[in-house]
Amino acid sequence: MYQFLYTIFSTPFGYVMRFIYQFVGSYGMSIFLFALLVKVLMLPLSLKQKRSMMEVARIQPQLQKIQKTYARDQRRMQEEMQNLYDREGVSPMAGCGTSLITLPIMIGLYGVIIQPLTYFMQLTAAQISEIASRLSFEMTNYHSQIELASRIFANFDQVADVSDRLMRVSMQFGPIDLAATPSFGEFNILWIIPILSGLTSLLMSWLGQKLNPMQNANPQAQSSGKIMMFMMPLMSVWFGFILPAGLGVYWISNNILSGVQEALLNVWMKKKLAEKETQN
């Protein structure tokens, strides 16, 4: 099942990553630019989601009045709420696709990072076996391709003729080995990945709290938002310690880009809604 999902999502992502790498020549920078490309492609959905959140916040007092008036009649409450949405031209579910797309992207990128020979270099299983044989390398587990990619970089002349798709790619990004996985039991430079992942996630959560119009309009949203504000950073730190550093670089890049996008969209949407109110 997992291999099927990787094939669906990791194959196209591998082509994109390879294309980017051929221009910048840095594996780490390729991951950052991939995150930037994803943000740009998802911008229409993000705009739709932000607009929906601000529109719902605008009519929140009316929604709360309906909920209070028809507290004992759930069917009538839903009807009145839907009528309000229709009158105001508000779609509360608009932009939900942004959240749904996040998981396939993570699955696809995870496959590219842990199996770079298959998805990034687009080698066949037979070619990978031939390379492993020449370098006296034993493929022992699902993550072996990462280590073999590092072997290829150090001994490229011995395997260059196996395929014209083969690339001499360094997994180093400054002092960080993107092929390695940080460990709780060994303090080293790799710890910077889960730490930055947690900090940028916390910053993103805090910024989301401040700029989310529903936080001030809905007490229930405030409560759940505070929980998520700390849950997501903790999860980011945990995943940073159990996944290859390359995926952590994507997570950090995504957090930073999301924060910048959220701030810019908030300013732009407030201006648009103010113009709409003035026209009405």
C-alpha atoms as a PDB file:
ATOM      1  CA  MET A   1       0.000   0.000   0.000  1.00  0.00           C
ATOM      2  CA  TYR A   2       2.732   2.451   0.981  1.00  0.00           C
ATOM      3  CA  GLN A   3       4.763   1.618  -2.125  1.00  0.00           C
ATOM      4  CA  PHE A   4       1.656   2.240  -4.237  1.00  0.00           C
ATOM      5  CA  LEU A   5       1.221   5.698  -2.664  1.00  0.00           C
ATOM      6  CA  TYR A   6       4.900   6.497  -3.134  1.00  0.00           C
ATOM      7  CA  THR A   7       4.662   5.519  -6.796  1.00  0.00           C
ATOM      8  CA  ILE A   8       1.693   7.832  -7.331  1.00  0.00           C
ATOM      9  CA  PHE A   9       3.044  10.870  -5.482  1.00  0.00           C
ATOM     10  CA  SER A  10       6.817  10.417  -5.356  1.00  0.00           C
ATOM     11  CA  THR A  11       7.288   9.761  -9.080  1.00  0.00           C
ATOM     12  CA  PRO A  12       6.149  13.232 -10.264  1.00  0.00           C
ATOM     13  CA  PHE A  13       7.791  14.922  -7.267  1.00  0.00           C
ATOM     14  CA  GLY A  14      11.040  13.166  -8.130  1.00  0.00           C
ATOM     15  CA  TYR A  15      10.964  14.629 -11.640  1.00  0.00           C
ATOM     16  CA  VAL A  16      10.317  18.111 -10.228  1.00  0.00           C
ATOM     17  CA  MET A  17      13.123  17.807  -7.660  1.00  0.00           C
ATOM     18  CA  ARG A  18      15.538  16.560 -10.324  1.00  0.00           C
ATOM     19  CA  PHE A  19      14.613  19.451 -12.637  1.00  0.00           C
ATOM     20  CA  ILE A  20      15.206  21.986  -9.852  1.00  0.00           C
ATOM     21  CA  TYR A  21      18.484  20.333  -8.815  1.00  0.00           C
ATOM     22  CA  GLN A  22      19.854  20.536 -12.361  1.00  0.00           C
ATOM     23  CA  PHE A  23      19.531  24.323 -12.123  1.00  0.00           C
ATOM     24  CA  VAL A  24      20.749  24.994  -8.584  1.00  0.00           C
ATOM     25  CA  GLY A  25      23.143  22.074  -7.992  1.00  0.00           C
ATOM     26  CA  SER A  26      22.235  21.812  -4.301  1.00  0.00           C
ATOM     27  CA  TYR A  27      20.051  19.093  -2.829  1.00  0.00           C
ATOM     28  CA  GLY A  28      19.100  21.217   0.192  1.00  0.00           C
ATOM     29  CA  MET A  29      18.262  24.254  -1.940  1.00  0.00           C
ATOM     30  CA  SER A  30      16.215  21.993  -4.210  1.00  0.00           C
ATOM     31  CA  ILE A  31      14.068  21.007  -1.224  1.00  0.00           C
ATOM     32  CA  PHE A  32      13.539  24.677  -0.290  1.00  0.00           C
ATOM     33  CA  LEU A  33      12.619  25.644  -3.850  1.00  0.00           C
ATOM     34  CA  PHE A  34      10.284  22.661  -4.046  1.00  0.00           C
ATOM     35  CA  ALA A  35       8.506  23.981  -0.936  1.00  0.00           C
ATOM     36  CA  LEU A  36       8.317  27.436  -2.532  1.00  0.00           C
ATOM     37  CA  LEU A  37       6.885  25.963  -5.739  1.00  0.00           C
ATOM     38  CA  VAL A  38       4.222  24.090  -3.762  1.00  0.00           C
ATOM     39  CA  LYS A  39       3.253  27.345  -2.003  1.00  0.00           C
ATOM     40  CA  VAL A  40       2.929  29.176  -5.316  1.00  0.00           C
ATOM     41  CA  LEU A  41       0.812  26.419  -6.881  1.00  0.00           C
ATOM     42  CA  MET A  42      -1.446  26.262  -3.823  1.00  0.00           C
ATOM     43  CA  LEU A  43      -1.838  30.036  -3.577  1.00  0.00           C
ATOM     44  CA  PRO A  44      -5.337  30.082  -5.174  1.00  0.00           C
ATOM     45  CA  LEU A  45      -6.575  27.554  -2.589  1.00  0.00           C
ATOM     46  CA  SER A  46      -4.894  29.490   0.216  1.00  0.00           C
ATOM     47  CA  LEU A  47      -6.574  32.701  -0.943  1.00  0.00           C
ATOM     48  CA  LYS A  48      -9.927  30.960  -1.032  1.00  0.00           C
ATOM     49  CA  GLN A  49      -9.419  29.537   2.456  1.00  0.00           C
ATOM     50  CA  LYS A  50      -8.337  32.901   3.903  1.00  0.00           C
ATOM     51  CA  ARG A  51     -11.278  34.686   2.300  1.00  0.00           C
ATOM     52  CA  SER A  52     -13.681  32.092   3.700  1.00  0.00           C
ATOM     53  CA  MET A  53     -12.261  32.416   7.226  1.00  0.00           C
ATOM     54  CA  MET A  54     -12.538  36.200   7.206  1.00  0.00           C
ATOM     55  CA  GLU A  55     -16.055  36.123   5.757  1.00  0.00           C
ATOM     56  CA  VAL A  56     -17.215  33.652   8.414  1.00  0.00           C
ATOM     57  CA  ALA A  57     -15.615  35.827  11.112  1.00  0.00           C
ATOM     58  CA  ARG A  58     -17.486  38.842   9.735  1.00  0.00           C
ATOM     59  CA  ILE A  59     -20.891  37.180  10.184  1.00  0.00           C
ATOM     60  CA  GLN A  60     -19.965  35.405  13.426  1.00  0.00           C
ATOM     61  CA  PRO A  61     -22.191  37.636  15.626  1.00  0.00           C
ATOM     62  CA  GLN A  62     -25.191  36.712  13.467  1.00  0.00           C
ATOM     63  CA  LEU A  63     -24.265  33.025  13.628  1.00  0.00           C
ATOM     64  CA  GLN A  64     -24.019  33.142  17.414  1.00  0.00           C
ATOM     65  CA  LYS A  65     -27.413  34.841  17.590  1.00  0.00           C
ATOM     66  CA  ILE A  66     -28.957  32.038  15.494  1.00  0.00           C
ATOM     67  CA  GLN A  67     -27.284  29.378  17.647  1.00  0.00           C
ATOM     68  CA  LYS A  68     -28.658  30.995  20.799  1.00  0.00           C
ATOM     69  CA  THR A  69     -32.158  31.491  19.395  1.00  0.00           C
ATOM     70  CA  TYR A  70     -32.561  27.943  18.070  1.00  0.00           C
ATOM     71  CA  ALA A  71     -30.439  26.087  20.627  1.00  0.00           C
ATOM     72  CA  ARG A  72     -33.222  23.529  21.163  1.00  0.00           C
ATOM     73  CA  ASP A  73     -34.023  23.035  17.491  1.00  0.00           C
ATOM     74  CA  GLN A  74     -30.934  21.796  15.671  1.00  0.00           C
ATOM     75  CA  ARG A  75     -32.688  21.363  12.330  1.00  0.00           C
ATOM     76  CA  ARG A  76     -34.010  24.930  12.328  1.00  0.00           C
ATOM     77  CA  MET A  77     -30.630  26.198  13.469  1.00  0.00           C
ATOM     78  CA  GLN A  78     -28.898  24.556  10.511  1.00  0.00           C
ATOM     79  CA  GLU A  79     -31.512  25.922   8.107  1.00  0.00           C
ATOM     80  CA  GLU A  80     -31.148  29.482   9.423  1.00  0.00           C
ATOM     81  CA  MET A  81     -27.358  29.269   9.349  1.00  0.00           C
ATOM     82  CA  GLN A  82     -27.431  28.045   5.764  1.00  0.00           C
ATOM     83  CA  ASN A  83     -29.833  30.841   4.821  1.00  0.00           C
ATOM     84  CA  LEU A  84     -27.406  33.336   6.349  1.00  0.00           C
ATOM     85  CA  TYR A  85     -24.494  31.857   4.401  1.00  0.00           C
ATOM     86  CA  ASP A  86     -26.523  32.085   1.186  1.00  0.00           C
ATOM     87  CA  ARG A  87     -27.572  35.704   1.797  1.00  0.00           C
ATOM     88  CA  GLU A  88     -24.038  36.794   2.609  1.00  0.00           C
ATOM     89  CA  GLY A  89     -22.426  34.726  -0.145  1.00  0.00           C
ATOM     90  CA  VAL A  90     -20.239  32.870   2.343  1.00  0.00           C
ATOM     91  CA  SER A  91     -18.999  29.305   1.936  1.00  0.00           C
ATOM     92  CA  PRO A  92     -17.578  28.012   5.264  1.00  0.00           C
ATOM     93  CA  MET A  93     -16.012  24.966   3.597  1.00  0.00           C
ATOM     94  CA  ALA A  94     -14.211  26.931   0.889  1.00  0.00           C
ATOM     95  CA  GLY A  95     -10.483  26.312   0.775  1.00  0.00           C
ATOM     96  CA  CYS A  96     -10.545  23.070   2.775  1.00  0.00           C
ATOM     97  CA  GLY A  97      -8.578  21.502  -0.060  1.00  0.00           C
ATOM     98  CA  THR A  98      -5.415  23.156   1.286  1.00  0.00           C
ATOM     99  CA  SER A  99      -5.442  20.892   4.356  1.00  0.00           C
ATOM    100  CA  LEU A 100      -6.273  17.795   2.318  1.00  0.00           C
ATOM    101  CA  ILE A 101      -3.351  18.326  -0.065  1.00  0.00           C
ATOM    102  CA  THR A 102      -0.725  18.567   2.710  1.00  0.00           C
ATOM    103  CA  LEU A 103      -0.604  14.815   3.431  1.00  0.00           C
ATOM    104  CA  PRO A 104      -0.065  13.648  -0.199  1.00  0.00           C
ATOM    105  CA  ILE A 105       2.746  16.197  -0.525  1.00  0.00           C
ATOM    106  CA  MET A 106       4.469  14.858   2.615  1.00  0.00           C
ATOM    107  CA  ILE A 107       4.034  11.258   1.451  1.00  0.00           C
ATOM    108  CA  GLY A 108       5.419  12.083  -1.983  1.00  0.00           C
ATOM    109  CA  LEU A 109       8.420  14.020  -0.711  1.00  0.00           C
ATOM    110  CA  TYR A 110       9.154  11.366   1.919  1.00  0.00           C
ATOM    111  CA  GLY A 111       9.392   8.780  -0.855  1.00  0.00           C
ATOM    112  CA  VAL A 112      11.763  10.987  -2.870  1.00  0.00           C
ATOM    113  CA  ILE A 113      14.049  11.552   0.115  1.00  0.00           C
ATOM    114  CA  ILE A 114      14.239   7.982   1.431  1.00  0.00           C
ATOM    115  CA  GLN A 115      14.449   6.431  -2.055  1.00  0.00           C
ATOM    116  CA  PRO A 116      16.463   8.973  -4.061  1.00  0.00           C
ATOM    117  CA  LEU A 117      17.763   6.401  -6.527  1.00  0.00           C
ATOM    118  CA  THR A 118      14.254   5.327  -7.507  1.00  0.00           C
ATOM    119  CA  TYR A 119      12.445   8.656  -7.619  1.00  0.00           C
ATOM    120  CA  PHE A 120      15.094  11.388  -7.822  1.00  0.00           C
ATOM    121  CA  MET A 121      17.550   9.633 -10.161  1.00  0.00           C
ATOM    122  CA  GLN A 122      14.837   7.440 -11.740  1.00  0.00           C
ATOM    123  CA  LEU A 123      16.907   4.249 -11.751  1.00  0.00           C
ATOM    124  CA  THR A 124      15.400   0.799 -12.164  1.00  0.00           C
ATOM    125  CA  ALA A 125      15.611  -1.900  -9.484  1.00  0.00           C
ATOM    126  CA  ALA A 126      18.124  -3.792 -11.629  1.00  0.00           C
ATOM    127  CA  GLN A 127      20.356  -0.725 -11.990  1.00  0.00           C
ATOM    128  CA  ILE A 128      20.238  -0.079  -8.253  1.00  0.00           C
ATOM    129  CA  SER A 129      21.232  -3.703  -7.579  1.00  0.00           C
ATOM    130  CA  GLU A 130      24.129  -3.408 -10.042  1.00  0.00           C
ATOM    131  CA  ILE A 131      25.404  -0.263  -8.317  1.00  0.00           C
ATOM    132  CA  ALA A 132      25.104  -1.872  -4.884  1.00  0.00           C
ATOM    133  CA  SER A 133      27.033  -4.910  -6.134  1.00  0.00           C
ATOM    134  CA  ARG A 134      29.867  -2.843  -7.584  1.00  0.00           C
ATOM    135  CA  LEU A 135      30.214  -0.846  -4.376  1.00  0.00           C
ATOM    136  CA  SER A 136      29.933  -3.961  -2.180  1.00  0.00           C
ATOM    137  CA  PHE A 137      26.899  -2.462  -0.489  1.00  0.00           C
ATOM    138  CA  GLU A 138      24.128  -4.546   1.052  1.00  0.00           C
ATOM    139  CA  MET A 139      20.560  -3.230   0.753  1.00  0.00           C
ATOM    140  CA  THR A 140      19.287  -4.199   4.191  1.00  0.00           C
ATOM    141  CA  ASN A 141      16.219  -2.003   4.709  1.00  0.00           C
ATOM    142  CA  TYR A 142      13.871   0.543   3.207  1.00  0.00           C
ATOM    143  CA  HIS A 143      16.231   3.438   3.975  1.00  0.00           C
ATOM    144  CA  SER A 144      19.320   1.858   2.397  1.00  0.00           C
ATOM    145  CA  GLN A 145      19.031   3.949  -0.776  1.00  0.00           C
ATOM    146  CA  ILE A 146      19.984   7.081   1.151  1.00  0.00           C
ATOM    147  CA  GLU A 147      23.273   5.583   2.285  1.00  0.00           C
ATOM    148  CA  LEU A 148      23.912   4.122  -1.162  1.00  0.00           C
ATOM    149  CA  ALA A 149      23.405   7.581  -2.692  1.00  0.00           C
ATOM    150  CA  SER A 150      26.189   8.848  -0.426  1.00  0.00           C
ATOM    151  CA  ARG A 151      28.406   5.943  -1.556  1.00  0.00           C
ATOM    152  CA  ILE A 152      27.706   6.873  -5.178  1.00  0.00           C
ATOM    153  CA  PHE A 153      28.845  10.445  -4.533  1.00  0.00           C
ATOM    154  CA  ALA A 154      32.149   9.191  -3.077  1.00  0.00           C
ATOM    155  CA  ASN A 155      32.730   6.518  -5.772  1.00  0.00           C
ATOM    156  CA  PHE A 156      30.965   7.928  -8.811  1.00  0.00           C
ATOM    157  CA  ASP A 157      33.618   6.808 -11.334  1.00  0.00           C
ATOM    158  CA  GLN A 158      32.979   3.157 -10.447  1.00  0.00           C
ATOM    159  CA  VAL A 159      29.272   3.271 -11.332  1.00  0.00           C
ATOM    160  CA  ALA A 160      28.879   6.184 -13.788  1.00  0.00           C
ATOM    161  CA  ASP A 161      28.319   3.841 -16.745  1.00  0.00           C
ATOM    162  CA  VAL A 162      25.339   2.021 -15.170  1.00  0.00           C
ATOM    163  CA  SER A 163      22.836   4.644 -16.369  1.00  0.00           C
ATOM    164  CA  ASP A 164      22.864   8.065 -17.979  1.00  0.00           C
ATOM    165  CA  ARG A 165      20.234   9.035 -15.367  1.00  0.00           C
ATOM    166  CA  LEU A 166      22.706   8.542 -12.535  1.00  0.00           C
ATOM    167  CA  MET A 167      23.793  11.751 -10.819  1.00  0.00           C
ATOM    168  CA  ARG A 168      26.636  12.566  -8.447  1.00  0.00           C
ATOM    169  CA  VAL A 169      24.584  14.257  -5.757  1.00  0.00           C
ATOM    170  CA  SER A 170      25.962  15.447  -2.428  1.00  0.00           C
ATOM    171  CA  MET A 171      23.509  15.040   0.442  1.00  0.00           C
ATOM    172  CA  GLN A 172      25.404  17.688   2.424  1.00  0.00           C
ATOM    173  CA  PHE A 173      23.670  21.009   3.041  1.00  0.00           C
ATOM    174  CA  GLY A 174      26.334  23.060   4.733  1.00  0.00           C
ATOM    175  CA  PRO A 175      27.421  20.986   7.775  1.00  0.00           C
ATOM    176  CA  ILE A 176      24.217  18.908   7.733  1.00  0.00           C
ATOM    177  CA  ASP A 177      23.889  15.496   6.097  1.00  0.00           C
ATOM    178  CA  LEU A 178      20.344  15.493   4.709  1.00  0.00           C
ATOM    179  CA  ALA A 179      20.455  11.714   4.340  1.00  0.00           C
ATOM    180  CA  ALA A 180      20.991  11.188   8.075  1.00  0.00           C
ATOM    181  CA  THR A 181      18.308  10.967  10.760  1.00  0.00           C
ATOM    182  CA  PRO A 182      18.780  12.863  14.053  1.00  0.00           C
ATOM    183  CA  SER A 183      18.914  10.708  17.171  1.00  0.00           C
ATOM    184  CA  PHE A 184      17.726  11.439  20.710  1.00  0.00           C
ATOM    185  CA  GLY A 185      20.672   9.475  22.055  1.00  0.00           C
ATOM    186  CA  GLU A 186      23.414  11.292  20.150  1.00  0.00           C
ATOM    187  CA  PHE A 187      23.774  15.066  20.388  1.00  0.00           C
ATOM    188  CA  ASN A 188      25.253  16.516  17.188  1.00  0.00           C
ATOM    189  CA  ILE A 189      24.670  19.118  14.476  1.00  0.00           C
ATOM    190  CA  LEU A 190      21.619  17.203  13.243  1.00  0.00           C
ATOM    191  CA  TRP A 191      19.697  18.287  16.342  1.00  0.00           C
ATOM    192  CA  ILE A 192      19.351  21.698  14.722  1.00  0.00           C
ATOM    193  CA  ILE A 193      16.773  20.230  12.326  1.00  0.00           C
ATOM    194  CA  PRO A 194      14.120  19.115  14.876  1.00  0.00           C
ATOM    195  CA  ILE A 195      14.827  22.196  17.017  1.00  0.00           C
ATOM    196  CA  LEU A 196      14.295  24.590  14.094  1.00  0.00           C
ATOM    197  CA  SER A 197      11.341  22.521  12.977  1.00  0.00           C
ATOM    198  CA  GLY A 198       9.702  22.939  16.380  1.00  0.00           C
ATOM    199  CA  LEU A 199      10.550  26.641  16.693  1.00  0.00           C
ATOM    200  CA  THR A 200       9.312  27.564  13.212  1.00  0.00           C
ATOM    201  CA  SER A 201       6.172  25.516  13.796  1.00  0.00           C
ATOM    202  CA  LEU A 202       5.588  27.351  17.085  1.00  0.00           C
ATOM    203  CA  LEU A 203       6.113  30.696  15.352  1.00  0.00           C
ATOM    204  CA  MET A 204       3.718  29.677  12.594  1.00  0.00           C
ATOM    205  CA  SER A 205       1.102  28.555  15.140  1.00  0.00           C
ATOM    206  CA  TRP A 206       1.438  31.808  17.107  1.00  0.00           C
ATOM    207  CA  LEU A 207       1.164  33.871  13.939  1.00  0.00           C
ATOM    208  CA  GLY A 208      -1.856  31.857  12.847  1.00  0.00           C
ATOM    209  CA  GLN A 209      -3.492  32.566  16.210  1.00  0.00           C
ATOM    210  CA  LYS A 210      -2.863  36.277  15.906  1.00  0.00           C
ATOM    211  CA  LEU A 211      -4.019  36.570  12.299  1.00  0.00           C
ATOM    212  CA  ASN A 212      -6.925  34.121  12.401  1.00  0.00           C
ATOM    213  CA  PRO A 213     -10.104  36.225  12.600  1.00  0.00           C
ATOM    214  CA  MET A 214     -12.026  33.298  14.092  1.00  0.00           C
ATOM    215  CA  GLN A 215      -9.906  33.354  17.244  1.00  0.00           C
ATOM    216  CA  ASN A 216     -11.437  36.618  18.400  1.00  0.00           C
ATOM    217  CA  ALA A 217     -14.908  35.878  17.086  1.00  0.00           C
ATOM    218  CA  ASN A 218     -15.361  32.369  18.459  1.00  0.00           C
ATOM    219  CA  PRO A 219     -14.403  31.352  22.059  1.00  0.00           C
ATOM    220  CA  GLN A 220     -14.458  27.660  21.103  1.00  0.00           C
ATOM    221  CA  ALA A 221     -11.969  28.345  18.314  1.00  0.00           C
ATOM    222  CA  GLN A 222      -9.742  30.129  20.833  1.00  0.00           C
ATOM    223  CA  SER A 223      -9.635  27.064  23.076  1.00  0.00           C
ATOM    224  CA  SER A 224      -8.882  24.566  20.295  1.00  0.00           C
ATOM    225  CA  GLY A 225      -6.389  27.003  18.758  1.00  0.00           C
ATOM    226  CA  LYS A 226      -4.365  27.180  21.964  1.00  0.00           C
ATOM    227  CA  ILE A 227      -4.137  23.394  22.103  1.00  0.00           C
ATOM    228  CA  MET A 228      -2.972  23.163  18.476  1.00  0.00           C
ATOM    229  CA  MET A 229      -0.497  25.985  19.056  1.00  0.00           C
ATOM    230  CA  PHE A 230       1.598  23.654  21.223  1.00  0.00           C
ATOM    231  CA  MET A 231       0.644  20.278  19.755  1.00  0.00           C
ATOM    232  CA  MET A 232       1.958  21.004  16.255  1.00  0.00           C
ATOM    233  CA  PRO A 233       5.422  22.178  17.387  1.00  0.00           C
ATOM    234  CA  LEU A 234       5.800  19.110  19.612  1.00  0.00           C
ATOM    235  CA  MET A 235       4.825  16.861  16.709  1.00  0.00           C
ATOM    236  CA  SER A 236       7.296  18.717  14.479  1.00  0.00           C
ATOM    237  CA  VAL A 237      10.127  18.050  16.945  1.00  0.00           C
ATOM    238  CA  TRP A 238       9.174  14.376  17.213  1.00  0.00           C
ATOM    239  CA  PHE A 239       9.043  13.869  13.433  1.00  0.00           C
ATOM    240  CA  GLY A 240      12.307  15.775  13.127  1.00  0.00           C
ATOM    241  CA  PHE A 241      13.991  13.075  15.232  1.00  0.00           C
ATOM    242  CA  ILE A 242      12.539  10.054  13.437  1.00  0.00           C
ATOM    243  CA  LEU A 243      12.705  11.160   9.787  1.00  0.00           C
ATOM    244  CA  PRO A 244      15.674  11.998   7.533  1.00  0.00           C
ATOM    245  CA  ALA A 245      16.982  15.551   7.889  1.00  0.00           C
ATOM    246  CA  GLY A 246      15.985  16.316   4.295  1.00  0.00           C
ATOM    247  CA  LEU A 247      12.325  16.058   5.221  1.00  0.00           C
ATOM    248  CA  GLY A 248      12.963  18.305   8.222  1.00  0.00           C
ATOM    249  CA  VAL A 249      14.427  20.939   5.883  1.00  0.00           C
ATOM    250  CA  TYR A 250      11.202  20.826   3.878  1.00  0.00           C
ATOM    251  CA  TRP A 251       9.129  21.173   7.066  1.00  0.00           C
ATOM    252  CA  ILE A 252      11.179  24.172   8.218  1.00  0.00           C
ATOM    253  CA  SER A 253      10.985  25.778   4.770  1.00  0.00           C
ATOM    254  CA  ASN A 254       7.237  25.205   4.640  1.00  0.00           C
ATOM    255  CA  ASN A 255       6.759  26.784   8.090  1.00  0.00           C
ATOM    256  CA  ILE A 256       8.732  29.897   7.154  1.00  0.00           C
ATOM    257  CA  LEU A 257       7.003  30.304   3.797  1.00  0.00           C
ATOM    258  CA  SER A 258       3.600  29.711   5.409  1.00  0.00           C
ATOM    259  CA  GLY A 259       4.260  32.433   7.957  1.00  0.00           C
ATOM    260  CA  VAL A 260       5.244  34.951   5.283  1.00  0.00           C
ATOM    261  CA  GLN A 261       2.245  33.977   3.159  1.00  0.00           C
ATOM    262  CA  GLU A 262      -0.165  34.231   6.098  1.00  0.00           C
ATOM    263  CA  ALA A 263       1.009  37.735   6.964  1.00  0.00           C
ATOM    264  CA  LEU A 264       0.780  38.969   3.365  1.00  0.00           C
ATOM    265  CA  LEU A 265      -2.613  37.379   2.731  1.00  0.00           C
ATOM    266  CA  ASN A 266      -3.979  38.838   5.948  1.00  0.00           C
ATOM    267  CA  VAL A 267      -3.058  42.378   4.889  1.00  0.00           C
ATOM    268  CA  TRP A 268      -4.372  41.870   1.351  1.00  0.00           C
ATOM    269  CA  MET A 269      -7.669  40.267   2.405  1.00  0.00           C
ATOM    270  CA  LYS A 270      -8.387  42.920   5.039  1.00  0.00           C
ATOM    271  CA  LYS A 271      -7.967  45.551   2.349  1.00  0.00           C
ATOM    272  CA  LYS A 272     -10.300  43.688  -0.017  1.00  0.00           C
ATOM    273  CA  LEU A 273     -12.991  43.194   2.629  1.00  0.00           C
ATOM    274  CA  ALA A 274     -12.771  46.861   3.646  1.00  0.00           C
ATOM    275  CA  GLU A 275     -13.311  47.860   0.008  1.00  0.00           C
ATOM    276  CA  LYS A 276     -16.288  45.493  -0.195  1.00  0.00           C
ATOM    277  CA  GLU A 277     -17.836  46.981   2.955  1.00  0.00           C
ATOM    278  CA  THR A 278     -17.353  50.498   1.572  1.00  0.00           C
ATOM    279  CA  GLN A 279     -19.094  49.565  -1.689  1.00  0.00           C
ATOM    280  CA  ASN A 280     -22.032  48.065   0.229  1.00  0.00           C
END
